[in-house]
Amino acid sequence: MATVCPMREHGADRLVDVPTTGRVYRAERRVRFGDVSPAGRARFDALACFLQDVSSDDTADAGLDDDLAWVVRRTVFEVRRPAVFRELLELTTFCSGIGSRWAERRVALRGERGAVIDAATLWVHVELPSGRPIPLDGQFLDLYGPAAAGREVTARLRHRAHVPDVAARRPWGLRFCDFDPLGHVNNAASWATVEEVLAGRPGLRPPYRAELEYRAPIERGAVISLATVALDDGGLAMWALEDRTGELHLTGLVSPLAG
C-alpha cells in the first residue's frame, strides 16, 4: 500500500467543544429513508445536507444579512457511532474559529439511539456574484465572534494535490440534481464521491474521520474521474479530477479513529 498523508498544521484539526459563552444554535433532524445506505447508516452526503441546513437556519434565525454569500472550503466529519434510519438527531452548532475572510462552523450531532458525530466546516465569505473572498463584517463578528473565543483558523488547504501513479481510477457521473443555484455541484452532493469509494472498502467502517477539501467548483459538462489510494493505516485518499484538463476539484481522506 502507498502512504499518502495530508499536510496538516499542529492543532488545526482539533474539533473544539461546545462553548459555554457566545451564540449556540440547536435544531433536530430525523434520519429518513432517502438519507441512508443499504445497510441503514446515514450517508455522508445526507449528513452534509444536515450541516448545510442547520447553518442556514442559524444565520436566518440570527438575522444575518448575507446568508447565501458563503462557499465551503473544507469539511471534516468524525464519526464515533453512525446515525441510523429513523434516528432523531440533535444538531448543536456554533462558530469555532475566525479568519480574515472565512470562519469555521462546528456541528455536534447526537442521536437518541447513540449516534455520536462531530463535524467542522470552513466557510469562505464571498461577494456575489463574483465569488471573490471579502472580509467578515461587523455584524458577523458581533454575532459569532464570542463563541469562537479568539481562535484563529486558516483557509489553506492541507491535502496533497499530487495523484500517485499507483492510484486506481473510476468514472464519476454527474447528475442534474447534484447542481445548486450557484451553477456547480453542491458541497453536500460532493460527499457522494466519498460514499462511492467507501463502497469498495467494506473493512473501513466507524469510528473514522472523513475530510473533503474543495479546490475548484465542478460545473455542468465536466467529465470527472475519482482516483483512490489505500493507506498504510487502513484508510484511503481520494482525488476528483476533470478527465480532459486534469484540473483537480476535490481531495478526500478517510482515516480510522482510535476508540
C-alpha atoms as a PDB file:
ATOM      1  CA  MET A   1       0.000   0.000   0.000  1.00  0.00           C
ATOM      2  CA  ALA A   2       1.137   3.550  -0.698  1.00  0.00           C
ATOM      3  CA  THR A   3       1.370   6.078   2.093  1.00  0.00           C
ATOM      4  CA  VAL A   4      -0.231   9.411   1.205  1.00  0.00           C
ATOM      5  CA  CYS A   5      -0.729  11.835   4.083  1.00  0.00           C
ATOM      6  CA  PRO A   6      -2.444  15.222   4.212  1.00  0.00           C
ATOM      7  CA  MET A   7      -0.342  18.235   5.141  1.00  0.00           C
ATOM      8  CA  ARG A   8      -1.663  19.393   8.495  1.00  0.00           C
ATOM      9  CA  GLU A   9      -0.827  22.163  10.871  1.00  0.00           C
ATOM     10  CA  HIS A  10      -0.314  21.433  14.533  1.00  0.00           C
ATOM     11  CA  GLY A  11      -3.652  21.631  16.348  1.00  0.00           C
ATOM     12  CA  ALA A  12      -5.587  22.714  13.257  1.00  0.00           C
ATOM     13  CA  ASP A  13      -7.627  19.527  13.084  1.00  0.00           C
ATOM     14  CA  ARG A  14      -8.977  19.550  16.634  1.00  0.00           C
ATOM     15  CA  LEU A  15     -12.755  19.724  16.766  1.00  0.00           C
ATOM     16  CA  VAL A  16     -13.434  22.024  19.694  1.00  0.00           C
ATOM     17  CA  ASP A  17     -16.109  21.504  22.318  1.00  0.00           C
ATOM     18  CA  VAL A  18     -19.405  23.380  22.563  1.00  0.00           C
ATOM     19  CA  PRO A  19     -18.628  26.755  24.187  1.00  0.00           C
ATOM     20  CA  THR A  20     -20.114  27.980  27.433  1.00  0.00           C
ATOM     21  CA  THR A  21     -20.438  31.547  26.106  1.00  0.00           C
ATOM     22  CA  GLY A  22     -21.478  33.029  22.792  1.00  0.00           C
ATOM     23  CA  ARG A  23     -24.137  32.047  20.271  1.00  0.00           C
ATOM     24  CA  VAL A  24     -25.075  28.347  20.150  1.00  0.00           C
ATOM     25  CA  TYR A  25     -27.939  27.189  17.930  1.00  0.00           C
ATOM     26  CA  ARG A  26     -29.762  23.859  18.221  1.00  0.00           C
ATOM     27  CA  ALA A  27     -32.076  22.017  15.857  1.00  0.00           C
ATOM     28  CA  GLU A  28     -33.352  18.497  15.243  1.00  0.00           C
ATOM     29  CA  ARG A  29     -33.325  16.284  12.163  1.00  0.00           C
ATOM     30  CA  ARG A  30     -34.628  12.755  11.761  1.00  0.00           C
ATOM     31  CA  VAL A  31     -32.725  10.332   9.531  1.00  0.00           C
ATOM     32  CA  ARG A  32     -35.109   9.447   6.710  1.00  0.00           C
ATOM     33  CA  PHE A  33     -35.242   6.668   4.127  1.00  0.00           C
ATOM     34  CA  GLY A  34     -33.509   8.776   1.485  1.00  0.00           C
ATOM     35  CA  ASP A  35     -30.614   9.575   3.866  1.00  0.00           C
ATOM     36  CA  VAL A  36     -29.271   6.077   4.469  1.00  0.00           C
ATOM     37  CA  SER A  37     -27.065   3.457   2.834  1.00  0.00           C
ATOM     38  CA  PRO A  38     -28.389  -0.026   2.009  1.00  0.00           C
ATOM     39  CA  ALA A  39     -27.211  -1.046   5.484  1.00  0.00           C
ATOM     40  CA  GLY A  40     -29.196   1.762   7.140  1.00  0.00           C
ATOM     41  CA  ARG A  41     -26.260   4.059   8.002  1.00  0.00           C
ATOM     42  CA  ALA A  42     -26.764   7.805   7.463  1.00  0.00           C
ATOM     43  CA  ARG A  43     -24.631   8.652   4.421  1.00  0.00           C
ATOM     44  CA  PHE A  44     -22.071  11.446   4.382  1.00  0.00           C
ATOM     45  CA  ASP A  45     -23.918  13.351   1.656  1.00  0.00           C
ATOM     46  CA  ALA A  46     -27.081  13.296   3.793  1.00  0.00           C
ATOM     47  CA  LEU A  47     -25.162  14.414   6.893  1.00  0.00           C
ATOM     48  CA  ALA A  48     -23.605  17.225   4.842  1.00  0.00           C
ATOM     49  CA  CYS A  49     -27.134  18.330   3.899  1.00  0.00           C
ATOM     50  CA  PHE A  50     -27.994  18.432   7.608  1.00  0.00           C
ATOM     51  CA  LEU A  51     -24.938  20.623   8.202  1.00  0.00           C
ATOM     52  CA  GLN A  52     -25.873  22.893   5.330  1.00  0.00           C
ATOM     53  CA  ASP A  53     -29.464  23.234   6.549  1.00  0.00           C
ATOM     54  CA  VAL A  54     -28.660  23.923  10.196  1.00  0.00           C
ATOM     55  CA  SER A  55     -26.062  26.502   9.137  1.00  0.00           C
ATOM     56  CA  SER A  56     -28.645  28.290   7.007  1.00  0.00           C
ATOM     57  CA  ASP A  57     -31.275  28.039   9.742  1.00  0.00           C
ATOM     58  CA  ASP A  58     -28.874  29.520  12.272  1.00  0.00           C
ATOM     59  CA  THR A  59     -27.924  32.517  10.139  1.00  0.00           C
ATOM     60  CA  ALA A  60     -31.593  33.118   9.264  1.00  0.00           C
ATOM     61  CA  ASP A  61     -32.558  32.956  12.949  1.00  0.00           C
ATOM     62  CA  ALA A  62     -29.741  35.372  13.775  1.00  0.00           C
ATOM     63  CA  GLY A  63     -30.872  37.816  11.079  1.00  0.00           C
ATOM     64  CA  LEU A  64     -27.559  37.673   9.176  1.00  0.00           C
ATOM     65  CA  ASP A  65     -27.958  39.750   6.016  1.00  0.00           C
ATOM     66  CA  ASP A  66     -25.839  37.716   3.547  1.00  0.00           C
ATOM     67  CA  ASP A  67     -26.983  34.167   4.289  1.00  0.00           C
ATOM     68  CA  LEU A  68     -26.117  32.909   0.767  1.00  0.00           C
ATOM     69  CA  ALA A  69     -22.733  34.638   0.420  1.00  0.00           C
ATOM     70  CA  TRP A  70     -20.632  31.740   1.678  1.00  0.00           C
ATOM     71  CA  VAL A  71     -18.857  28.837  -0.034  1.00  0.00           C
ATOM     72  CA  VAL A  72     -17.355  25.736   1.569  1.00  0.00           C
ATOM     73  CA  ARG A  73     -13.596  25.257   1.514  1.00  0.00           C
ATOM     74  CA  ARG A  74     -13.255  22.179   3.738  1.00  0.00           C
ATOM     75  CA  THR A  75     -15.471  19.820   5.754  1.00  0.00           C
ATOM     76  CA  VAL A  76     -14.427  17.257   8.357  1.00  0.00           C
ATOM     77  CA  PHE A  77     -16.540  14.546   9.974  1.00  0.00           C
ATOM     78  CA  GLU A  78     -15.556  12.409  12.952  1.00  0.00           C
ATOM     79  CA  VAL A  79     -17.983   9.521  13.227  1.00  0.00           C
ATOM     80  CA  ARG A  80     -17.665   7.680  16.541  1.00  0.00           C
ATOM     81  CA  ARG A  81     -21.015   5.950  16.177  1.00  0.00           C
ATOM     82  CA  PRO A  82     -23.067   6.385  12.987  1.00  0.00           C
ATOM     83  CA  ALA A  83     -26.617   7.611  12.822  1.00  0.00           C
ATOM     84  CA  VAL A  84     -29.182   5.113  11.552  1.00  0.00           C
ATOM     85  CA  PHE A  85     -32.575   5.038   9.839  1.00  0.00           C
ATOM     86  CA  ARG A  86     -35.314   6.856  11.781  1.00  0.00           C
ATOM     87  CA  GLU A  87     -32.913   8.089  14.474  1.00  0.00           C
ATOM     88  CA  LEU A  88     -33.681  11.575  15.775  1.00  0.00           C
ATOM     89  CA  LEU A  89     -30.570  13.766  15.864  1.00  0.00           C
ATOM     90  CA  GLU A  90     -29.926  16.909  17.865  1.00  0.00           C
ATOM     91  CA  LEU A  91     -27.618  19.269  15.987  1.00  0.00           C
ATOM     92  CA  THR A  92     -25.697  21.831  18.028  1.00  0.00           C
ATOM     93  CA  THR A  93     -23.825  24.432  16.006  1.00  0.00           C
ATOM     94  CA  PHE A  94     -21.594  27.404  16.746  1.00  0.00           C
ATOM     95  CA  CYS A  95     -18.681  29.362  15.300  1.00  0.00           C
ATOM     96  CA  SER A  96     -15.444  27.669  16.358  1.00  0.00           C
ATOM     97  CA  GLY A  97     -12.861  29.878  14.637  1.00  0.00           C
ATOM     98  CA  ILE A  98     -12.428  33.002  12.552  1.00  0.00           C
ATOM     99  CA  GLY A  99     -10.039  34.250   9.860  1.00  0.00           C
ATOM    100  CA  SER A 100      -9.944  37.449   7.852  1.00  0.00           C
ATOM    101  CA  ARG A 101     -12.359  36.249   5.151  1.00  0.00           C
ATOM    102  CA  TRP A 102     -13.598  32.930   6.478  1.00  0.00           C
ATOM    103  CA  ALA A 103     -14.946  31.190   9.556  1.00  0.00           C
ATOM    104  CA  GLU A 104     -15.210  27.653  10.878  1.00  0.00           C
ATOM    105  CA  ARG A 105     -18.575  26.259  11.926  1.00  0.00           C
ATOM    106  CA  ARG A 106     -18.775  23.286  14.283  1.00  0.00           C
ATOM    107  CA  VAL A 107     -21.766  20.985  14.402  1.00  0.00           C
ATOM    108  CA  ALA A 108     -22.164  18.292  17.070  1.00  0.00           C
ATOM    109  CA  LEU A 109     -24.710  15.619  16.142  1.00  0.00           C
ATOM    110  CA  ARG A 110     -26.076  13.380  18.900  1.00  0.00           C
ATOM    111  CA  GLY A 111     -28.738  10.742  18.357  1.00  0.00           C
ATOM    112  CA  GLU A 112     -31.449   9.204  20.509  1.00  0.00           C
ATOM    113  CA  ARG A 113     -30.053   5.770  19.577  1.00  0.00           C
ATOM    114  CA  GLY A 114     -26.470   6.642  20.417  1.00  0.00           C
ATOM    115  CA  ALA A 115     -25.139   8.363  17.302  1.00  0.00           C
ATOM    116  CA  VAL A 116     -22.012  10.426  18.036  1.00  0.00           C
ATOM    117  CA  ILE A 117     -20.837  12.518  15.091  1.00  0.00           C
ATOM    118  CA  ASP A 118     -18.830  15.741  15.090  1.00  0.00           C
ATOM    119  CA  ALA A 119     -18.199  17.990  12.112  1.00  0.00           C
ATOM    120  CA  ALA A 120     -16.415  21.201  11.201  1.00  0.00           C
ATOM    121  CA  THR A 121     -16.842  23.194   8.001  1.00  0.00           C
ATOM    122  CA  LEU A 122     -14.645  26.046   6.804  1.00  0.00           C
ATOM    123  CA  TRP A 123     -16.843  28.632   5.046  1.00  0.00           C
ATOM    124  CA  VAL A 124     -15.347  31.449   2.948  1.00  0.00           C
ATOM    125  CA  HIS A 125     -17.213  34.756   2.854  1.00  0.00           C
ATOM    126  CA  VAL A 126     -17.622  35.821  -0.788  1.00  0.00           C
ATOM    127  CA  GLU A 127     -19.065  38.635  -2.849  1.00  0.00           C
ATOM    128  CA  LEU A 128     -21.980  37.634  -5.060  1.00  0.00           C
ATOM    129  CA  PRO A 129     -21.950  37.084  -7.988  1.00  0.00           C
ATOM    130  CA  SER A 130     -18.169  37.429  -8.488  1.00  0.00           C
ATOM    131  CA  GLY A 131     -17.247  34.807  -5.864  1.00  0.00           C
ATOM    132  CA  ARG A 132     -14.359  36.968  -4.646  1.00  0.00           C
ATOM    133  CA  PRO A 133     -13.496  36.452  -0.945  1.00  0.00           C
ATOM    134  CA  ILE A 134     -14.299  39.510   1.130  1.00  0.00           C
ATOM    135  CA  PRO A 135     -13.640  40.398   4.797  1.00  0.00           C
ATOM    136  CA  LEU A 136     -16.063  39.402   7.519  1.00  0.00           C
ATOM    137  CA  ASP A 137     -18.244  42.317   8.557  1.00  0.00           C
ATOM    138  CA  GLY A 138     -19.029  43.716  11.953  1.00  0.00           C
ATOM    139  CA  GLN A 139     -22.475  42.123  12.074  1.00  0.00           C
ATOM    140  CA  PHE A 140     -20.979  38.639  11.724  1.00  0.00           C
ATOM    141  CA  LEU A 141     -18.198  39.282  14.230  1.00  0.00           C
ATOM    142  CA  ASP A 142     -20.646  40.637  16.799  1.00  0.00           C
ATOM    143  CA  LEU A 143     -22.946  37.613  16.424  1.00  0.00           C
ATOM    144  CA  TYR A 144     -20.426  34.793  16.212  1.00  0.00           C
ATOM    145  CA  GLY A 145     -17.125  36.123  17.492  1.00  0.00           C
ATOM    146  CA  PRO A 146     -17.742  35.451  21.222  1.00  0.00           C
ATOM    147  CA  ALA A 147     -18.276  31.695  20.664  1.00  0.00           C
ATOM    148  CA  ALA A 148     -15.010  31.480  18.687  1.00  0.00           C
ATOM    149  CA  ALA A 149     -13.221  32.915  21.734  1.00  0.00           C
ATOM    150  CA  GLY A 150     -10.315  34.305  19.704  1.00  0.00           C
ATOM    151  CA  ARG A 151      -9.480  31.018  17.946  1.00  0.00           C
ATOM    152  CA  GLU A 152      -7.976  31.719  14.520  1.00  0.00           C
ATOM    153  CA  VAL A 153      -8.356  29.356  11.572  1.00  0.00           C
ATOM    154  CA  THR A 154      -6.714  29.224   8.159  1.00  0.00           C
ATOM    155  CA  ALA A 155      -8.308  28.626   4.757  1.00  0.00           C
ATOM    156  CA  ARG A 156      -5.154  26.982   3.447  1.00  0.00           C
ATOM    157  CA  LEU A 157      -5.768  23.510   2.012  1.00  0.00           C
ATOM    158  CA  ARG A 158      -3.847  20.696   3.686  1.00  0.00           C
ATOM    159  CA  HIS A 159      -4.256  17.662   1.420  1.00  0.00           C
ATOM    160  CA  ARG A 160      -1.627  16.794  -1.135  1.00  0.00           C
ATOM    161  CA  ALA A 161      -2.641  17.717  -4.655  1.00  0.00           C
ATOM    162  CA  HIS A 162      -0.415  15.192  -6.429  1.00  0.00           C
ATOM    163  CA  VAL A 163      -2.135  11.990  -7.552  1.00  0.00           C
ATOM    164  CA  PRO A 164       0.243   8.992  -7.237  1.00  0.00           C
ATOM    165  CA  ASP A 165       0.827   6.842 -10.303  1.00  0.00           C
ATOM    166  CA  VAL A 166      -0.441   3.796  -8.366  1.00  0.00           C
ATOM    167  CA  ALA A 167      -3.880   5.364  -7.844  1.00  0.00           C
ATOM    168  CA  ALA A 168      -6.858   3.381  -9.120  1.00  0.00           C
ATOM    169  CA  ARG A 169      -9.313   5.372 -11.256  1.00  0.00           C
ATOM    170  CA  ARG A 170     -13.014   5.158 -11.950  1.00  0.00           C
ATOM    171  CA  PRO A 171     -15.558   7.493 -13.605  1.00  0.00           C
ATOM    172  CA  TRP A 172     -17.977   9.530 -11.519  1.00  0.00           C
ATOM    173  CA  GLY A 173     -21.114  10.533 -13.368  1.00  0.00           C
ATOM    174  CA  LEU A 174     -22.668  13.917 -12.640  1.00  0.00           C
ATOM    175  CA  ARG A 175     -26.435  14.217 -12.250  1.00  0.00           C
ATOM    176  CA  PHE A 176     -28.688  17.213 -12.835  1.00  0.00           C
ATOM    177  CA  CYS A 177     -29.771  17.087  -9.184  1.00  0.00           C
ATOM    178  CA  ASP A 178     -26.138  17.475  -7.998  1.00  0.00           C
ATOM    179  CA  PHE A 179     -26.078  21.129  -9.102  1.00  0.00           C
ATOM    180  CA  ASP A 180     -27.239  24.052  -6.962  1.00  0.00           C
ATOM    181  CA  PRO A 181     -28.412  27.621  -7.759  1.00  0.00           C
ATOM    182  CA  LEU A 182     -24.779  28.769  -7.983  1.00  0.00           C
ATOM    183  CA  GLY A 183     -24.348  26.512 -11.029  1.00  0.00           C
ATOM    184  CA  HIS A 184     -21.889  23.970  -9.634  1.00  0.00           C
ATOM    185  CA  VAL A 185     -22.017  20.674  -7.783  1.00  0.00           C
ATOM    186  CA  ASN A 186     -23.270  21.389  -4.285  1.00  0.00           C
ATOM    187  CA  ASN A 187     -20.818  20.756  -1.446  1.00  0.00           C
ATOM    188  CA  ALA A 188     -23.164  18.216   0.152  1.00  0.00           C
ATOM    189  CA  ALA A 189     -23.634  16.332  -3.128  1.00  0.00           C
ATOM    190  CA  SER A 190     -19.830  16.133  -3.425  1.00  0.00           C
ATOM    191  CA  TRP A 191     -19.797  13.747  -0.458  1.00  0.00           C
ATOM    192  CA  ALA A 192     -21.296  11.118  -2.770  1.00  0.00           C
ATOM    193  CA  THR A 193     -17.726  10.673  -4.041  1.00  0.00           C
ATOM    194  CA  VAL A 194     -16.648   9.526  -0.581  1.00  0.00           C
ATOM    195  CA  GLU A 195     -19.568   7.113  -0.356  1.00  0.00           C
ATOM    196  CA  GLU A 196     -18.664   5.751  -3.780  1.00  0.00           C
ATOM    197  CA  VAL A 197     -15.100   4.868  -2.804  1.00  0.00           C
ATOM    198  CA  LEU A 198     -16.123   3.610   0.658  1.00  0.00           C
ATOM    199  CA  ALA A 199     -18.488   1.123  -1.002  1.00  0.00           C
ATOM    200  CA  GLY A 200     -15.423  -0.716  -2.249  1.00  0.00           C
ATOM    201  CA  ARG A 201     -13.792  -0.779   1.207  1.00  0.00           C
ATOM    202  CA  PRO A 202     -16.101  -2.885   3.428  1.00  0.00           C
ATOM    203  CA  GLY A 203     -13.425  -3.064   6.128  1.00  0.00           C
ATOM    204  CA  LEU A 204     -13.283   0.713   6.584  1.00  0.00           C
ATOM    205  CA  ARG A 205     -16.128   1.460   8.980  1.00  0.00           C
ATOM    206  CA  PRO A 206     -16.670   3.729  12.025  1.00  0.00           C
ATOM    207  CA  PRO A 207     -15.088   5.005  14.071  1.00  0.00           C
ATOM    208  CA  TYR A 208     -13.403   7.079  11.377  1.00  0.00           C
ATOM    209  CA  ARG A 209     -12.581  10.609  10.299  1.00  0.00           C
ATOM    210  CA  ALA A 210     -13.517  11.790   6.812  1.00  0.00           C
ATOM    211  CA  GLU A 211     -12.293  15.008   5.204  1.00  0.00           C
ATOM    212  CA  LEU A 212     -13.178  16.704   1.930  1.00  0.00           C
ATOM    213  CA  GLU A 213     -11.410  19.778   0.545  1.00  0.00           C
ATOM    214  CA  TYR A 214     -12.875  21.838  -2.293  1.00  0.00           C
ATOM    215  CA  ARG A 215     -10.289  23.203  -4.730  1.00  0.00           C
ATOM    216  CA  ALA A 216     -12.376  24.237  -7.734  1.00  0.00           C
ATOM    217  CA  PRO A 217     -16.115  24.138  -8.463  1.00  0.00           C
ATOM    218  CA  ILE A 218     -17.431  21.325 -10.671  1.00  0.00           C
ATOM    219  CA  GLU A 219     -19.609  22.826 -13.375  1.00  0.00           C
ATOM    220  CA  ARG A 220     -22.074  21.409 -15.889  1.00  0.00           C
ATOM    221  CA  GLY A 221     -20.457  19.356 -18.643  1.00  0.00           C
ATOM    222  CA  ALA A 222     -17.432  18.281 -16.602  1.00  0.00           C
ATOM    223  CA  VAL A 223     -16.131  14.733 -17.059  1.00  0.00           C
ATOM    224  CA  ILE A 224     -14.927  13.571 -13.639  1.00  0.00           C
ATOM    225  CA  SER A 225     -12.808  10.623 -12.528  1.00  0.00           C
ATOM    226  CA  LEU A 226     -12.115   9.505  -8.966  1.00  0.00           C
ATOM    227  CA  ALA A 227      -8.584   8.415  -8.128  1.00  0.00           C
ATOM    228  CA  THR A 228      -8.009   6.450  -4.912  1.00  0.00           C
ATOM    229  CA  VAL A 229      -5.074   5.052  -2.964  1.00  0.00           C
ATOM    230  CA  ALA A 230      -5.170   2.746   0.055  1.00  0.00           C
ATOM    231  CA  LEU A 231      -3.135   3.975   3.032  1.00  0.00           C
ATOM    232  CA  ASP A 232      -0.949   2.086   5.463  1.00  0.00           C
ATOM    233  CA  ASP A 233      -3.228   2.985   8.396  1.00  0.00           C
ATOM    234  CA  GLY A 234      -6.191   1.234   6.747  1.00  0.00           C
ATOM    235  CA  GLY A 235      -7.670   4.460   5.402  1.00  0.00           C
ATOM    236  CA  LEU A 236      -7.800   5.874   1.897  1.00  0.00           C
ATOM    237  CA  ALA A 237      -7.037   9.047  -0.031  1.00  0.00           C
ATOM    238  CA  MET A 238      -9.154  10.298  -2.935  1.00  0.00           C
ATOM    239  CA  TRP A 239      -8.936  12.885  -5.711  1.00  0.00           C
ATOM    240  CA  ALA A 240     -11.684  14.051  -8.115  1.00  0.00           C
ATOM    241  CA  LEU A 241     -10.258  15.295 -11.413  1.00  0.00           C
ATOM    242  CA  GLU A 242     -11.515  16.572 -14.746  1.00  0.00           C
ATOM    243  CA  ASP A 243     -10.547  13.941 -17.329  1.00  0.00           C
ATOM    244  CA  ARG A 244      -9.881  16.303 -20.221  1.00  0.00           C
ATOM    245  CA  THR A 245      -7.986  19.067 -18.441  1.00  0.00           C
ATOM    246  CA  GLY A 246      -6.568  17.286 -15.401  1.00  0.00           C
ATOM    247  CA  GLU A 247      -7.969  20.016 -13.140  1.00  0.00           C
ATOM    248  CA  LEU A 248      -8.240  18.886  -9.523  1.00  0.00           C
ATOM    249  CA  HIS A 249     -11.623  19.655  -7.966  1.00  0.00           C
ATOM    250  CA  LEU A 250     -11.803  17.656  -4.717  1.00  0.00           C
ATOM    251  CA  THR A 251      -9.471  15.817  -2.389  1.00  0.00           C
ATOM    252  CA  GLY A 252     -10.659  13.406   0.284  1.00  0.00           C
ATOM    253  CA  LEU A 253      -9.220  11.419   3.136  1.00  0.00           C
ATOM    254  CA  VAL A 254     -10.815   8.752   5.333  1.00  0.00           C
ATOM    255  CA  SER A 255      -8.804   7.544   8.330  1.00  0.00           C
ATOM    256  CA  PRO A 256      -9.625   5.174  11.207  1.00  0.00           C
ATOM    257  CA  LEU A 257     -10.128   6.763  14.620  1.00  0.00           C
ATOM    258  CA  ALA A 258      -8.904   5.215  17.832  1.00  0.00           C
ATOM    259  CA  GLY A 259     -11.551   4.036  20.256  1.00  0.00           C
END
